[in-house]
Amino acid sequence: MSEVITIETTVNRPIERVWETWNEPRHIIHWGFASDDWHVPAAQNDLSVNGTFNYRMEAKDGSEGFDFSGVYTEIVPNKRIAYILGDGRRVSIEFAETGNVTKINQSFEAENEYPPEYQKEGWQSILNNFKNYTETV
């Protein structure tokens, strides 16, 4: 079994806004990357159990890129999302609202190529981008 890594953030927006920017491709392309030299030129999302998602992540200079994709296993609107990545790893995201503030707790199974701390930093950077974007739209 893989190590499970957990990251979190608090977004100063109500859950409806957080849910929308988390799941709609027109928003995902603005936050779904770990650093400013990367971007998401395309995103597709069928937010339903057994639905699929695919986010194309690329270096802005065109030197590398990959598809971040998976299949949803659980959807509880405004509360929880779970999915299995293309490589078989499991991911879950919990959303908890208090007033106009939403806490996000995301757990994922580590892969074996990069050290867990490196993976945690990358996923946390994406979550930080999400927070920053969501608080400005």
Protein backbone atom coordinates (compact mmCIF):
# COMPACT_ATOMS: atom_id res chain seq x y z
CA MET A 1 0.00 0.00 0.00
CA SER A 2 1.18 3.48 -0.84
CA GLU A 3 1.77 6.20 1.67
CA VAL A 4 -1.20 8.58 1.97
CA ILE A 5 -0.37 12.28 1.84
CA THR A 6 -2.79 14.94 3.08
CA ILE A 7 -2.85 18.62 2.19
CA GLU A 8 -5.33 21.34 3.12
CA THR A 9 -6.29 24.95 2.71
CA THR A 10 -9.01 27.35 3.76
CA VAL A 11 -10.72 29.39 1.05
CA ASN A 12 -12.47 32.61 1.95
CA ARG A 13 -15.48 31.89 -0.24
CA PRO A 14 -18.76 30.03 0.27
CA ILE A 15 -18.96 26.37 -0.72
CA GLU A 16 -21.01 27.04 -3.86
CA ARG A 17 -18.22 29.19 -5.32
CA VAL A 18 -15.52 26.74 -4.20
CA TRP A 19 -17.38 23.78 -5.73
CA GLU A 20 -17.85 25.64 -9.01
CA THR A 21 -14.21 26.70 -9.39
CA TRP A 22 -13.00 23.23 -8.37
CA ASN A 23 -15.10 21.41 -10.96
CA GLU A 24 -15.76 23.60 -13.99
CA PRO A 25 -13.17 23.37 -16.79
CA ARG A 26 -13.45 27.11 -17.50
CA HIS A 27 -12.00 27.64 -14.01
CA ILE A 28 -9.66 24.61 -13.79
CA ILE A 29 -7.49 25.99 -16.61
CA HIS A 30 -6.69 29.00 -14.39
CA TRP A 31 -5.45 27.15 -11.30
CA GLY A 32 -4.58 23.50 -12.09
CA PHE A 33 -0.77 23.74 -12.09
CA ALA A 34 1.99 23.83 -9.47
CA SER A 35 4.17 26.67 -10.77
CA ASP A 36 3.92 29.73 -13.01
CA ASP A 37 6.01 28.12 -15.77
CA TRP A 38 3.26 25.49 -16.25
CA HIS A 39 -0.34 25.81 -17.40
CA VAL A 40 -3.47 23.79 -18.17
CA PRO A 41 -4.34 24.49 -21.82
CA ALA A 42 -7.34 22.11 -21.76
CA ALA A 43 -9.59 20.52 -19.15
CA GLN A 44 -12.52 18.13 -19.43
CA ASN A 45 -14.66 17.06 -16.50
CA ASP A 46 -17.69 14.74 -16.25
CA LEU A 47 -18.47 15.17 -12.55
CA SER A 48 -20.48 11.99 -11.96
CA VAL A 49 -19.81 8.57 -10.49
CA ASN A 50 -17.87 6.64 -13.18
CA GLY A 51 -17.42 9.94 -15.02
CA THR A 52 -13.93 10.87 -16.15
CA PHE A 53 -11.77 13.95 -16.02
CA ASN A 54 -8.68 14.92 -17.96
CA TYR A 55 -6.54 18.00 -17.42
CA ARG A 56 -3.68 18.57 -19.85
CA MET A 57 -0.72 19.96 -17.87
CA GLU A 58 2.16 21.43 -19.88
CA ALA A 59 5.28 23.47 -19.38
CA LYS A 60 4.69 26.88 -20.97
CA ASP A 61 7.88 26.48 -23.02
CA GLY A 62 6.53 23.24 -24.52
CA SER A 63 9.37 21.12 -23.15
CA GLU A 64 7.13 18.62 -21.36
CA GLY A 65 3.55 17.80 -20.47
CA PHE A 66 1.21 15.08 -19.28
CA ASP A 67 -2.45 14.24 -18.85
CA PHE A 68 -3.80 14.26 -15.29
CA SER A 69 -6.82 11.99 -15.53
CA GLY A 70 -9.02 9.63 -13.61
CA VAL A 71 -12.45 8.19 -12.89
CA TYR A 72 -14.80 9.43 -10.16
CA THR A 73 -15.86 6.88 -7.55
CA GLU A 74 -17.88 9.15 -5.25
CA ILE A 75 -19.54 12.55 -5.58
CA VAL A 76 -21.40 14.21 -2.70
CA PRO A 77 -22.18 17.73 -3.93
CA ASN A 78 -20.51 20.46 -1.87
CA LYS A 79 -19.07 17.81 0.51
CA ARG A 80 -16.84 15.13 -1.01
CA ILE A 81 -15.18 13.93 -4.21
CA ALA A 82 -13.25 10.68 -4.60
CA TYR A 83 -11.54 9.32 -7.69
CA ILE A 84 -8.97 6.87 -8.98
CA LEU A 85 -6.13 8.26 -11.07
CA GLY A 86 -5.09 6.65 -14.33
CA ASP A 87 -2.23 4.88 -12.51
CA GLY A 88 -4.60 3.37 -9.91
CA ARG A 89 -3.90 5.70 -6.99
CA ARG A 90 -6.84 6.91 -4.92
CA VAL A 91 -7.61 10.54 -4.12
CA SER A 92 -10.29 12.05 -1.87
CA ILE A 93 -11.27 15.65 -1.26
CA GLU A 94 -13.43 16.82 1.63
CA PHE A 95 -15.12 20.24 1.64
CA ALA A 96 -16.39 21.76 4.91
CA GLU A 97 -18.13 25.14 5.02
CA THR A 98 -18.39 27.47 7.99
CA GLY A 99 -20.19 30.65 7.02
CA ASN A 100 -18.50 32.03 3.90
CA VAL A 101 -15.29 30.07 4.48
CA THR A 102 -14.61 26.61 3.05
CA LYS A 103 -11.94 24.23 4.31
CA ILE A 104 -10.55 21.71 1.83
CA ASN A 105 -8.79 18.54 2.96
CA GLN A 106 -7.28 16.46 0.15
CA SER A 107 -5.64 13.05 0.57
CA PHE A 108 -3.85 11.08 -2.11
CA GLU A 109 -1.78 7.94 -2.40
CA ALA A 110 1.86 8.73 -3.14
CA GLU A 111 3.46 7.39 -6.28
CA ASN A 112 6.86 5.68 -6.22
CA GLU A 113 8.85 7.88 -8.62
CA TYR A 114 9.30 11.02 -6.50
CA PRO A 115 9.85 11.43 -2.74
CA PRO A 116 6.61 11.94 -0.77
CA GLU A 117 7.66 15.42 0.43
CA TYR A 118 8.20 16.54 -3.18
CA GLN A 119 4.75 15.24 -4.12
CA LYS A 120 3.18 16.97 -1.13
CA GLU A 121 4.80 20.28 -2.12
CA GLY A 122 3.56 19.99 -5.71
CA TRP A 123 -0.02 19.11 -4.79
CA GLN A 124 -0.04 21.82 -2.10
CA SER A 125 1.14 24.37 -4.68
CA ILE A 126 -1.80 23.47 -6.91
CA LEU A 127 -4.16 23.77 -3.94
CA ASN A 128 -2.65 27.16 -3.10
CA ASN A 129 -3.23 28.27 -6.72
CA PHE A 130 -6.82 27.12 -6.37
CA LYS A 131 -7.28 29.16 -3.18
CA ASN A 132 -5.73 32.29 -4.73
CA TYR A 133 -7.77 32.00 -7.93
CA THR A 134 -11.06 31.24 -6.16
CA GLU A 135 -10.70 34.18 -3.81
CA THR A 136 -10.31 36.57 -6.76
CA VAL A 137 -13.16 35.42 -9.05
